[in-house]
Amino acid sequence: MAKNITDRLNQIRTNIPPQVKLVAVSKYTTTQAIRAAYAAGVRDFAESRVQDAKIKQTELADLTDITWHMIGSLQSNKAKQAIAQFDWIHSIDRLSLAEQCDRIIAETHKSPKLLLQVKLADDPSKSGWTKASLLADLPKLEKLQHLKIVGLMTILPLGLNEAQSYEVFCRVGELAELLRSQGWQNVRELSMGMSADYAIAVRAGASMIRVGSQIFSL
């Protein structure tokens, strides 16, 4: 298993520039597989459920330099746990959640890096801000002084071809540039691209890719 994981990671690394952060999506795999990826040099791992992550984090507590990413939809009743457990949260997808996180961080002084989840192509199954709704919410987001908002995240709808995928990814980068022009200078990270489309996302300017099955598939 370890050799297979190492080989897959080496293949992915040949396809991405060194400045792009590879986040290994470990939500469907075992701690043994995570250890194999760690041994192959991965330090960033992503989970989508707070309770599942807690079990793995406990079992892997000896690997003290792992950076943990929350990539799943975050329910309000799990926000405090997520803030305590994760170094990054990619899925801040609505103003009410951002406001709740701001209150929790003010109380706990635990402040993960946050990404705003955006939805720039029509997809009823996905959550996130549209461009218009995010721009409308910016004045309220600006008042949340405890949040470390460092970028944007997106998940593409199913069924897009390569050209369509590239276009949507590029629009995420353009939105980040627009936010920076309006004073949000820290919005520089672009978390976009998964196992099936990370190469397209990298061409469009992704700074972080979230890859699971390409690393851990049996």
C-alpha atoms as a PDB file:
ATOM      1  CA  MET A   1       0.000   0.000   0.000  1.00  0.00           C
ATOM      2  CA  ALA A   2       2.711   2.484   0.985  1.00  0.00           C
ATOM      3  CA  LYS A   3       4.524   2.041  -2.331  1.00  0.00           C
ATOM      4  CA  ASN A   4       1.313   2.589  -4.289  1.00  0.00           C
ATOM      5  CA  ILE A   5       0.542   5.770  -2.374  1.00  0.00           C
ATOM      6  CA  THR A   6       4.077   7.050  -2.865  1.00  0.00           C
ATOM      7  CA  ASP A   7       3.941   6.314  -6.584  1.00  0.00           C
ATOM      8  CA  ARG A   8       0.610   8.112  -6.957  1.00  0.00           C
ATOM      9  CA  LEU A   9       1.855  11.124  -5.040  1.00  0.00           C
ATOM     10  CA  ASN A  10       4.973  11.303  -7.191  1.00  0.00           C
ATOM     11  CA  GLN A  11       2.808  11.231 -10.307  1.00  0.00           C
ATOM     12  CA  ILE A  12       0.627  14.079  -9.028  1.00  0.00           C
ATOM     13  CA  ARG A  13       3.669  16.106  -8.064  1.00  0.00           C
ATOM     14  CA  THR A  14       5.010  15.889 -11.597  1.00  0.00           C
ATOM     15  CA  ASN A  15       1.778  17.556 -12.774  1.00  0.00           C
ATOM     16  CA  ILE A  16       1.763  20.545 -10.427  1.00  0.00           C
ATOM     17  CA  PRO A  17       4.245  23.347  -9.772  1.00  0.00           C
ATOM     18  CA  PRO A  18       5.960  23.335  -6.377  1.00  0.00           C
ATOM     19  CA  GLN A  19       4.114  26.425  -5.155  1.00  0.00           C
ATOM     20  CA  VAL A  20       0.737  24.641  -5.348  1.00  0.00           C
ATOM     21  CA  LYS A  21      -0.193  23.051  -2.034  1.00  0.00           C
ATOM     22  CA  LEU A  22      -1.341  19.443  -2.301  1.00  0.00           C
ATOM     23  CA  VAL A  23      -4.030  18.706   0.271  1.00  0.00           C
ATOM     24  CA  ALA A  24      -4.618  14.961   0.588  1.00  0.00           C
ATOM     25  CA  VAL A  25      -8.318  14.267   1.118  1.00  0.00           C
ATOM     26  CA  SER A  26      -8.257  11.522   3.709  1.00  0.00           C
ATOM     27  CA  LYS A  27     -11.953  11.404   4.591  1.00  0.00           C
ATOM     28  CA  TYR A  28     -12.517   7.941   3.091  1.00  0.00           C
ATOM     29  CA  THR A  29      -9.232   6.351   4.043  1.00  0.00           C
ATOM     30  CA  THR A  30      -7.532   4.835   7.079  1.00  0.00           C
ATOM     31  CA  THR A  31      -4.972   6.206   9.468  1.00  0.00           C
ATOM     32  CA  GLN A  32      -2.568   3.602   8.074  1.00  0.00           C
ATOM     33  CA  ALA A  33      -2.938   5.134   4.617  1.00  0.00           C
ATOM     34  CA  ILE A  34      -2.525   8.624   6.064  1.00  0.00           C
ATOM     35  CA  ARG A  35       0.720   7.495   7.675  1.00  0.00           C
ATOM     36  CA  ALA A  36       1.914   6.186   4.326  1.00  0.00           C
ATOM     37  CA  ALA A  37       1.160   9.525   2.656  1.00  0.00           C
ATOM     38  CA  TYR A  38       2.860  11.330   5.541  1.00  0.00           C
ATOM     39  CA  ALA A  39       5.949   9.158   5.064  1.00  0.00           C
ATOM     40  CA  ALA A  40       5.893  10.201   1.397  1.00  0.00           C
ATOM     41  CA  GLY A  41       6.051  13.855   2.395  1.00  0.00           C
ATOM     42  CA  VAL A  42       2.420  14.980   2.668  1.00  0.00           C
ATOM     43  CA  ARG A  43       1.673  17.263   5.606  1.00  0.00           C
ATOM     44  CA  ASP A  44      -1.770  18.624   4.663  1.00  0.00           C
ATOM     45  CA  PHE A  45      -4.788  16.357   5.122  1.00  0.00           C
ATOM     46  CA  ALA A  46      -8.490  17.099   4.668  1.00  0.00           C
ATOM     47  CA  GLU A  47     -11.585  15.715   6.342  1.00  0.00           C
ATOM     48  CA  SER A  48     -15.241  16.529   5.786  1.00  0.00           C
ATOM     49  CA  ARG A  49     -16.784  15.460   9.099  1.00  0.00           C
ATOM     50  CA  VAL A  50     -15.758  16.838  12.471  1.00  0.00           C
ATOM     51  CA  GLN A  51     -16.363  13.617  14.374  1.00  0.00           C
ATOM     52  CA  ASP A  52     -14.451  11.426  11.894  1.00  0.00           C
ATOM     53  CA  ALA A  53     -11.549  13.844  11.935  1.00  0.00           C
ATOM     54  CA  LYS A  54     -11.378  13.775  15.728  1.00  0.00           C
ATOM     55  CA  ILE A  55     -10.851  10.003  15.731  1.00  0.00           C
ATOM     56  CA  LYS A  56      -8.055  10.211  13.156  1.00  0.00           C
ATOM     57  CA  GLN A  57      -6.431  13.198  14.830  1.00  0.00           C
ATOM     58  CA  THR A  58      -6.320  11.299  18.103  1.00  0.00           C
ATOM     59  CA  GLU A  59      -4.802   8.211  16.476  1.00  0.00           C
ATOM     60  CA  LEU A  60      -2.237  10.344  14.632  1.00  0.00           C
ATOM     61  CA  ALA A  61      -1.362  12.643  17.522  1.00  0.00           C
ATOM     62  CA  ASP A  62       2.284  11.599  17.289  1.00  0.00           C
ATOM     63  CA  LEU A  63       2.520  13.278  13.860  1.00  0.00           C
ATOM     64  CA  THR A  64       2.673  16.734  15.331  1.00  0.00           C
ATOM     65  CA  ASP A  65       3.311  18.699  12.131  1.00  0.00           C
ATOM     66  CA  ILE A  66       0.177  17.647  10.225  1.00  0.00           C
ATOM     67  CA  THR A  67      -1.981  20.542   9.055  1.00  0.00           C
ATOM     68  CA  TRP A  68      -5.664  19.613   9.149  1.00  0.00           C
ATOM     69  CA  HIS A  69      -8.171  21.044   6.656  1.00  0.00           C
ATOM     70  CA  MET A  70     -11.958  20.991   6.991  1.00  0.00           C
ATOM     71  CA  ILE A  71     -13.515  20.732   3.527  1.00  0.00           C
ATOM     72  CA  GLY A  72     -17.027  19.462   4.196  1.00  0.00           C
ATOM     73  CA  SER A  73     -20.217  21.404   4.684  1.00  0.00           C
ATOM     74  CA  LEU A  74     -20.060  22.856   8.185  1.00  0.00           C
ATOM     75  CA  GLN A  75     -23.210  22.702  10.282  1.00  0.00           C
ATOM     76  CA  SER A  76     -23.721  25.468  12.800  1.00  0.00           C
ATOM     77  CA  ASN A  77     -23.751  23.053  15.724  1.00  0.00           C
ATOM     78  CA  LYS A  78     -20.313  21.762  14.718  1.00  0.00           C
ATOM     79  CA  ALA A  79     -18.653  25.147  14.204  1.00  0.00           C
ATOM     80  CA  LYS A  80     -17.049  25.379  17.636  1.00  0.00           C
ATOM     81  CA  GLN A  81     -15.582  21.882  17.345  1.00  0.00           C
ATOM     82  CA  ALA A  82     -14.305  22.583  13.836  1.00  0.00           C
ATOM     83  CA  ILE A  83     -12.580  25.769  14.925  1.00  0.00           C
ATOM     84  CA  ALA A  84     -10.889  23.878  17.755  1.00  0.00           C
ATOM     85  CA  GLN A  85      -9.782  20.942  15.581  1.00  0.00           C
ATOM     86  CA  PHE A  86      -8.755  22.374  12.216  1.00  0.00           C
ATOM     87  CA  ASP A  87      -5.986  24.660  10.985  1.00  0.00           C
ATOM     88  CA  TRP A  88      -7.944  25.537   7.830  1.00  0.00           C
ATOM     89  CA  ILE A  89     -11.679  25.605   7.117  1.00  0.00           C
ATOM     90  CA  HIS A  90     -12.446  25.744   3.391  1.00  0.00           C
ATOM     91  CA  SER A  91     -16.232  25.722   3.613  1.00  0.00           C
ATOM     92  CA  ILE A  92     -17.423  29.025   5.068  1.00  0.00           C
ATOM     93  CA  ASP A  93     -20.416  29.221   2.739  1.00  0.00           C
ATOM     94  CA  ARG A  94     -22.807  31.783   4.243  1.00  0.00           C
ATOM     95  CA  LEU A  95     -22.815  35.008   6.213  1.00  0.00           C
ATOM     96  CA  SER A  96     -24.519  33.519   9.280  1.00  0.00           C
ATOM     97  CA  LEU A  97     -21.774  30.889   9.593  1.00  0.00           C
ATOM     98  CA  ALA A  98     -19.060  33.537   9.239  1.00  0.00           C
ATOM     99  CA  GLU A  99     -20.711  35.593  11.968  1.00  0.00           C
ATOM    100  CA  GLN A 100     -20.949  32.553  14.225  1.00  0.00           C
ATOM    101  CA  CYS A 101     -17.284  31.704  13.660  1.00  0.00           C
ATOM    102  CA  ASP A 102     -16.320  35.270  14.477  1.00  0.00           C
ATOM    103  CA  ARG A 103     -18.064  35.010  17.848  1.00  0.00           C
ATOM    104  CA  ILE A 104     -16.485  31.631  18.628  1.00  0.00           C
ATOM    105  CA  ILE A 105     -12.999  32.800  17.710  1.00  0.00           C
ATOM    106  CA  ALA A 106     -13.408  35.911  19.867  1.00  0.00           C
ATOM    107  CA  GLU A 107     -14.269  33.648  22.810  1.00  0.00           C
ATOM    108  CA  THR A 108     -11.754  30.856  22.264  1.00  0.00           C
ATOM    109  CA  HIS A 109      -8.835  32.694  20.615  1.00  0.00           C
ATOM    110  CA  LYS A 110      -8.399  29.701  18.284  1.00  0.00           C
ATOM    111  CA  SER A 111      -8.287  31.150  14.789  1.00  0.00           C
ATOM    112  CA  PRO A 112      -7.951  28.825  11.785  1.00  0.00           C
ATOM    113  CA  LYS A 113      -7.427  30.176   8.307  1.00  0.00           C
ATOM    114  CA  LEU A 114     -10.742  30.483   6.515  1.00  0.00           C
ATOM    115  CA  LEU A 115     -11.792  30.251   2.882  1.00  0.00           C
ATOM    116  CA  LEU A 116     -15.094  31.549   1.561  1.00  0.00           C
ATOM    117  CA  GLN A 117     -16.908  28.919  -0.500  1.00  0.00           C
ATOM    118  CA  VAL A 118     -18.227  30.373  -3.742  1.00  0.00           C
ATOM    119  CA  LYS A 119     -20.549  28.950  -6.377  1.00  0.00           C
ATOM    120  CA  LEU A 120     -19.904  30.597  -9.732  1.00  0.00           C
ATOM    121  CA  ALA A 121     -21.779  28.061 -11.877  1.00  0.00           C
ATOM    122  CA  ASP A 122     -25.381  27.039 -11.386  1.00  0.00           C
ATOM    123  CA  ASP A 123     -25.583  23.978  -9.145  1.00  0.00           C
ATOM    124  CA  PRO A 124     -28.552  23.420  -6.827  1.00  0.00           C
ATOM    125  CA  SER A 125     -26.640  20.676  -4.979  1.00  0.00           C
ATOM    126  CA  LYS A 126     -23.819  22.984  -3.850  1.00  0.00           C
ATOM    127  CA  SER A 127     -23.778  25.716  -1.255  1.00  0.00           C
ATOM    128  CA  GLY A 128     -21.761  28.923  -1.347  1.00  0.00           C
ATOM    129  CA  TRP A 129     -21.873  32.554  -2.304  1.00  0.00           C
ATOM    130  CA  THR A 130     -22.561  33.680  -5.833  1.00  0.00           C
ATOM    131  CA  LYS A 131     -20.492  36.625  -7.008  1.00  0.00           C
ATOM    132  CA  ALA A 132     -23.417  38.992  -6.466  1.00  0.00           C
ATOM    133  CA  SER A 133     -24.283  37.693  -3.013  1.00  0.00           C
ATOM    134  CA  LEU A 134     -20.670  37.796  -1.836  1.00  0.00           C
ATOM    135  CA  LEU A 135     -20.217  41.376  -3.006  1.00  0.00           C
ATOM    136  CA  ALA A 136     -23.477  42.289  -1.273  1.00  0.00           C
ATOM    137  CA  ASP A 137     -22.272  40.687   1.986  1.00  0.00           C
ATOM    138  CA  LEU A 138     -18.799  42.254   1.961  1.00  0.00           C
ATOM    139  CA  PRO A 139     -19.750  45.203   4.207  1.00  0.00           C
ATOM    140  CA  LYS A 140     -21.009  42.797   6.878  1.00  0.00           C
ATOM    141  CA  LEU A 141     -18.016  40.489   6.474  1.00  0.00           C
ATOM    142  CA  GLU A 142     -15.703  43.469   6.928  1.00  0.00           C
ATOM    143  CA  LYS A 143     -17.114  43.968  10.406  1.00  0.00           C
ATOM    144  CA  LEU A 144     -16.030  40.484  11.518  1.00  0.00           C
ATOM    145  CA  GLN A 145     -12.657  41.414  12.936  1.00  0.00           C
ATOM    146  CA  HIS A 146     -11.646  38.015  14.316  1.00  0.00           C
ATOM    147  CA  LEU A 147     -11.741  36.023  11.091  1.00  0.00           C
ATOM    148  CA  LYS A 148      -8.632  35.139   9.078  1.00  0.00           C
ATOM    149  CA  ILE A 149     -10.185  35.070   5.613  1.00  0.00           C
ATOM    150  CA  VAL A 150      -7.344  34.168   3.266  1.00  0.00           C
ATOM    151  CA  GLY A 151      -9.008  33.024   0.050  1.00  0.00           C
ATOM    152  CA  LEU A 152     -11.810  31.362  -1.864  1.00  0.00           C
ATOM    153  CA  MET A 153     -12.848  27.757  -2.403  1.00  0.00           C
ATOM    154  CA  THR A 154     -15.085  26.243  -5.048  1.00  0.00           C
ATOM    155  CA  ILE A 155     -16.430  22.849  -6.101  1.00  0.00           C
ATOM    156  CA  LEU A 156     -17.481  22.463  -9.718  1.00  0.00           C
ATOM    157  CA  PRO A 157     -20.866  21.097 -10.769  1.00  0.00           C
ATOM    158  CA  LEU A 158     -20.863  17.656 -12.335  1.00  0.00           C
ATOM    159  CA  GLY A 159     -20.912  17.353 -16.102  1.00  0.00           C
ATOM    160  CA  LEU A 160     -18.725  20.271 -17.170  1.00  0.00           C
ATOM    161  CA  ASN A 161     -16.257  19.746 -19.988  1.00  0.00           C
ATOM    162  CA  GLU A 162     -12.650  20.893 -19.750  1.00  0.00           C
ATOM    163  CA  ALA A 163     -13.264  24.304 -21.294  1.00  0.00           C
ATOM    164  CA  GLN A 164     -16.242  24.966 -19.051  1.00  0.00           C
ATOM    165  CA  SER A 165     -14.314  23.859 -15.974  1.00  0.00           C
ATOM    166  CA  TYR A 166     -11.402  26.116 -16.852  1.00  0.00           C
ATOM    167  CA  GLU A 167     -13.754  29.067 -17.336  1.00  0.00           C
ATOM    168  CA  VAL A 168     -15.356  28.622 -13.912  1.00  0.00           C
ATOM    169  CA  PHE A 169     -12.000  28.226 -12.194  1.00  0.00           C
ATOM    170  CA  CYS A 170     -10.776  31.399 -13.893  1.00  0.00           C
ATOM    171  CA  ARG A 171     -13.844  33.263 -12.647  1.00  0.00           C
ATOM    172  CA  VAL A 172     -12.912  32.319  -9.088  1.00  0.00           C
ATOM    173  CA  GLY A 173      -9.492  33.864  -9.597  1.00  0.00           C
ATOM    174  CA  GLU A 174     -11.055  36.982 -11.097  1.00  0.00           C
ATOM    175  CA  LEU A 175     -13.381  37.294  -8.106  1.00  0.00           C
ATOM    176  CA  ALA A 176     -10.430  37.037  -5.725  1.00  0.00           C
ATOM    177  CA  GLU A 177      -8.669  39.760  -7.699  1.00  0.00           C
ATOM    178  CA  LEU A 178     -11.785  41.931  -7.464  1.00  0.00           C
ATOM    179  CA  LEU A 179     -11.901  41.443  -3.699  1.00  0.00           C
ATOM    180  CA  ARG A 180      -8.252  42.445  -3.396  1.00  0.00           C
ATOM    181  CA  SER A 181      -8.972  45.592  -5.392  1.00  0.00           C
ATOM    182  CA  GLN A 182     -11.623  46.425  -2.787  1.00  0.00           C
ATOM    183  CA  GLY A 183      -9.215  46.130   0.118  1.00  0.00           C
ATOM    184  CA  TRP A 184      -9.265  42.403   0.861  1.00  0.00           C
ATOM    185  CA  GLN A 185      -5.528  42.014   0.331  1.00  0.00           C
ATOM    186  CA  ASN A 186      -5.311  38.693   2.207  1.00  0.00           C
ATOM    187  CA  VAL A 187      -7.660  36.907  -0.203  1.00  0.00           C
ATOM    188  CA  ARG A 188      -4.904  35.148  -2.143  1.00  0.00           C
ATOM    189  CA  GLU A 189      -5.498  31.417  -1.715  1.00  0.00           C
ATOM    190  CA  LEU A 190      -7.582  29.610  -4.335  1.00  0.00           C
ATOM    191  CA  SER A 191      -8.660  26.144  -3.179  1.00  0.00           C
ATOM    192  CA  MET A 192     -10.008  24.501  -6.300  1.00  0.00           C
ATOM    193  CA  GLY A 193      -9.558  21.288  -8.183  1.00  0.00           C
ATOM    194  CA  MET A 194      -9.992  17.691  -7.068  1.00  0.00           C
ATOM    195  CA  SER A 195      -8.838  14.317  -8.376  1.00  0.00           C
ATOM    196  CA  ALA A 196     -10.671  14.608 -11.695  1.00  0.00           C
ATOM    197  CA  ASP A 197      -9.933  18.239 -12.503  1.00  0.00           C
ATOM    198  CA  TYR A 198      -6.938  19.439 -10.482  1.00  0.00           C
ATOM    199  CA  ALA A 199      -4.763  19.878 -13.587  1.00  0.00           C
ATOM    200  CA  ILE A 200      -7.339  22.261 -15.060  1.00  0.00           C
ATOM    201  CA  ALA A 201      -7.558  24.145 -11.774  1.00  0.00           C
ATOM    202  CA  VAL A 202      -3.785  24.545 -11.631  1.00  0.00           C
ATOM    203  CA  ARG A 203      -3.785  26.023 -15.143  1.00  0.00           C
ATOM    204  CA  ALA A 204      -6.429  28.482 -13.963  1.00  0.00           C
ATOM    205  CA  GLY A 205      -4.354  29.591 -10.977  1.00  0.00           C
ATOM    206  CA  ALA A 206      -5.222  27.284  -8.072  1.00  0.00           C
ATOM    207  CA  SER A 207      -2.900  27.634  -5.097  1.00  0.00           C
ATOM    208  CA  MET A 208      -4.319  24.566  -3.338  1.00  0.00           C
ATOM    209  CA  ILE A 209      -5.757  21.348  -4.755  1.00  0.00           C
ATOM    210  CA  ARG A 210      -7.786  18.769  -2.843  1.00  0.00           C
ATOM    211  CA  VAL A 211      -6.968  15.261  -4.039  1.00  0.00           C
ATOM    212  CA  GLY A 212      -8.329  12.049  -2.531  1.00  0.00           C
ATOM    213  CA  SER A 213      -9.037   9.098  -4.802  1.00  0.00           C
ATOM    214  CA  GLN A 214      -5.978   9.732  -6.978  1.00  0.00           C
ATOM    215  CA  ILE A 215      -3.860   9.149  -3.855  1.00  0.00           C
ATOM    216  CA  PHE A 216      -5.783   6.635  -1.783  1.00  0.00           C
ATOM    217  CA  SER A 217      -7.839   4.585  -4.256  1.00  0.00           C
ATOM    218  CA  LEU A 218      -7.437   0.836  -3.886  1.00  0.00           C
END
